[in-house]
């Protein structure tokens, strides 16, 4: 993601159409300030989707890392063990039909 541009919240509101066009063209968010302090970031839909996808991927990586840690500590099961268990459940389910 590119470095955000910065503007005041008042300036953004006064020229919102121009800022929205710039958001789409520049592919970088806009940092809004109020009284000289950061108040918010404004993102285009494409920027938001990219951000959301990156957050989801990071959460998946964290969960995988936590799982590996649990397995190393003997408090988890491996994927192959999970698959074996699922196969057993499926077999029981099929035999009940």
C-alpha atoms as a PDB file:
ATOM      1  CA  UNK A   1       0.000   0.000   0.000  1.00  0.00           C
ATOM      2  CA  UNK A   2       1.254   3.441  -0.843  1.00  0.00           C
ATOM      3  CA  UNK A   3       1.949   6.116   1.741  1.00  0.00           C
ATOM      4  CA  UNK A   4      -1.286   7.983   2.556  1.00  0.00           C
ATOM      5  CA  UNK A   5      -1.787  11.617   1.716  1.00  0.00           C
ATOM      6  CA  UNK A   6      -2.981  13.835   4.530  1.00  0.00           C
ATOM      7  CA  UNK A   7      -5.681  16.471   4.730  1.00  0.00           C
ATOM      8  CA  UNK A   8      -7.872  17.999   7.380  1.00  0.00           C
ATOM      9  CA  UNK A   9     -11.349  16.620   7.943  1.00  0.00           C
ATOM     10  CA  UNK A  10     -12.767  20.068   7.106  1.00  0.00           C
ATOM     11  CA  UNK A  11     -10.862  20.238   3.810  1.00  0.00           C
ATOM     12  CA  UNK A  12     -11.946  16.708   2.931  1.00  0.00           C
ATOM     13  CA  UNK A  13     -15.589  17.535   3.604  1.00  0.00           C
ATOM     14  CA  UNK A  14     -15.449  20.790   1.673  1.00  0.00           C
ATOM     15  CA  UNK A  15     -13.982  19.090  -1.427  1.00  0.00           C
ATOM     16  CA  UNK A  16     -15.223  15.533  -1.026  1.00  0.00           C
ATOM     17  CA  UNK A  17     -15.760  14.820  -4.750  1.00  0.00           C
ATOM     18  CA  UNK A  18     -12.165  15.826  -5.586  1.00  0.00           C
ATOM     19  CA  UNK A  19     -10.788  13.733  -2.743  1.00  0.00           C
ATOM     20  CA  UNK A  20     -12.826  10.679  -3.714  1.00  0.00           C
ATOM     21  CA  UNK A  21     -11.554  10.908  -7.301  1.00  0.00           C
ATOM     22  CA  UNK A  22      -7.977  11.215  -6.015  1.00  0.00           C
ATOM     23  CA  UNK A  23      -8.461   8.178  -3.761  1.00  0.00           C
ATOM     24  CA  UNK A  24      -9.330   6.038  -6.745  1.00  0.00           C
ATOM     25  CA  UNK A  25      -6.568   7.376  -8.989  1.00  0.00           C
ATOM     26  CA  UNK A  26      -3.763   7.430  -6.427  1.00  0.00           C
ATOM     27  CA  UNK A  27      -4.503   3.968  -5.000  1.00  0.00           C
ATOM     28  CA  UNK A  28      -3.420   5.291  -1.602  1.00  0.00           C
ATOM     29  CA  UNK A  29      -5.570   6.095   1.425  1.00  0.00           C
ATOM     30  CA  UNK A  30      -6.131   9.583   2.761  1.00  0.00           C
ATOM     31  CA  UNK A  31      -5.307  10.381   6.382  1.00  0.00           C
ATOM     32  CA  UNK A  32      -7.753  12.834   7.902  1.00  0.00           C
ATOM     33  CA  UNK A  33      -6.619  15.078  10.721  1.00  0.00           C
ATOM     34  CA  UNK A  34      -8.574  17.071  13.232  1.00  0.00           C
ATOM     35  CA  UNK A  35      -6.831  19.753  15.287  1.00  0.00           C
ATOM     36  CA  UNK A  36      -3.492  18.504  13.979  1.00  0.00           C
ATOM     37  CA  UNK A  37      -4.033  14.911  15.156  1.00  0.00           C
ATOM     38  CA  UNK A  38      -4.819  11.832  13.086  1.00  0.00           C
ATOM     39  CA  UNK A  39      -8.572  11.229  13.169  1.00  0.00           C
ATOM     40  CA  UNK A  40      -9.269   8.635  10.447  1.00  0.00           C
ATOM     41  CA  UNK A  41      -8.197   6.976   7.229  1.00  0.00           C
ATOM     42  CA  UNK A  42     -10.377   6.984   4.111  1.00  0.00           C
ATOM     43  CA  UNK A  43      -9.894   4.122   1.642  1.00  0.00           C
ATOM     44  CA  UNK A  44     -11.291   3.373  -1.791  1.00  0.00           C
ATOM     45  CA  UNK A  45     -13.285   0.134  -2.143  1.00  0.00           C
ATOM     46  CA  UNK A  46     -10.289  -1.534  -3.842  1.00  0.00           C
ATOM     47  CA  UNK A  47      -7.958  -0.450  -1.029  1.00  0.00           C
ATOM     48  CA  UNK A  48     -10.417  -1.748   1.568  1.00  0.00           C
ATOM     49  CA  UNK A  49     -10.725  -5.129  -0.203  1.00  0.00           C
ATOM     50  CA  UNK A  50      -6.920  -5.447  -0.384  1.00  0.00           C
ATOM     51  CA  UNK A  51      -6.616  -4.528   3.295  1.00  0.00           C
ATOM     52  CA  UNK A  52      -9.346  -7.009   4.285  1.00  0.00           C
ATOM     53  CA  UNK A  53      -7.715  -9.789   2.274  1.00  0.00           C
ATOM     54  CA  UNK A  54      -4.341  -9.096   3.905  1.00  0.00           C
ATOM     55  CA  UNK A  55      -5.915  -9.183   7.381  1.00  0.00           C
ATOM     56  CA  UNK A  56      -7.637 -12.513   6.613  1.00  0.00           C
ATOM     57  CA  UNK A  57      -4.372 -14.000   5.354  1.00  0.00           C
ATOM     58  CA  UNK A  58      -2.532 -12.791   8.449  1.00  0.00           C
ATOM     59  CA  UNK A  59      -5.197 -14.301  10.721  1.00  0.00           C
ATOM     60  CA  UNK A  60      -4.896 -17.616   8.860  1.00  0.00           C
ATOM     61  CA  UNK A  61      -1.107 -17.601   9.257  1.00  0.00           C
ATOM     62  CA  UNK A  62      -1.431 -16.828  12.980  1.00  0.00           C
ATOM     63  CA  UNK A  63      -3.921 -19.660  13.457  1.00  0.00           C
ATOM     64  CA  UNK A  64      -1.626 -22.078  11.613  1.00  0.00           C
ATOM     65  CA  UNK A  65       1.315 -20.991  13.757  1.00  0.00           C
ATOM     66  CA  UNK A  66      -0.734 -21.457  16.934  1.00  0.00           C
ATOM     67  CA  UNK A  67      -1.734 -24.919  15.723  1.00  0.00           C
ATOM     68  CA  UNK A  68       1.881 -25.900  15.102  1.00  0.00           C
ATOM     69  CA  UNK A  69       2.794 -24.674  18.582  1.00  0.00           C
ATOM     70  CA  UNK A  70      -0.017 -26.715  20.137  1.00  0.00           C
ATOM     71  CA  UNK A  71       1.096 -29.832  18.255  1.00  0.00           C
ATOM     72  CA  UNK A  72       4.713 -29.341  19.386  1.00  0.00           C
ATOM     73  CA  UNK A  73       3.470 -29.102  22.977  1.00  0.00           C
ATOM     74  CA  UNK A  74       1.481 -32.303  22.545  1.00  0.00           C
ATOM     75  CA  UNK A  75      -1.864 -30.518  22.836  1.00  0.00           C
ATOM     76  CA  UNK A  76      -3.110 -30.820  19.311  1.00  0.00           C
ATOM     77  CA  UNK A  77      -3.597 -33.286  16.508  1.00  0.00           C
ATOM     78  CA  UNK A  78      -1.957 -33.476  13.144  1.00  0.00           C
ATOM     79  CA  UNK A  79      -3.879 -33.041   9.913  1.00  0.00           C
ATOM     80  CA  UNK A  80      -3.447 -36.721   9.058  1.00  0.00           C
ATOM     81  CA  UNK A  81      -4.879 -37.698  12.464  1.00  0.00           C
ATOM     82  CA  UNK A  82      -7.828 -35.355  11.871  1.00  0.00           C
ATOM     83  CA  UNK A  83      -8.437 -36.869   8.430  1.00  0.00           C
ATOM     84  CA  UNK A  84      -8.350 -40.390   9.901  1.00  0.00           C
ATOM     85  CA  UNK A  85     -10.944 -39.355  12.471  1.00  0.00           C
ATOM     86  CA  UNK A  86     -13.157 -37.806   9.813  1.00  0.00           C
ATOM     87  CA  UNK A  87     -12.889 -40.954   7.701  1.00  0.00           C
ATOM     88  CA  UNK A  88     -14.045 -43.012  10.701  1.00  0.00           C
ATOM     89  CA  UNK A  89     -17.026 -40.708  11.258  1.00  0.00           C
ATOM     90  CA  UNK A  90     -17.959 -40.921   7.576  1.00  0.00           C
ATOM     91  CA  UNK A  91     -17.729 -44.726   7.663  1.00  0.00           C
ATOM     92  CA  UNK A  92     -20.020 -44.884  10.721  1.00  0.00           C
ATOM     93  CA  UNK A  93     -22.485 -42.545   9.052  1.00  0.00           C
ATOM     94  CA  UNK A  94     -22.536 -44.646   5.874  1.00  0.00           C
ATOM     95  CA  UNK A  95     -23.080 -47.868   7.814  1.00  0.00           C
ATOM     96  CA  UNK A  96     -26.194 -46.421   9.488  1.00  0.00           C
ATOM     97  CA  UNK A  97     -27.992 -45.927   6.161  1.00  0.00           C
END
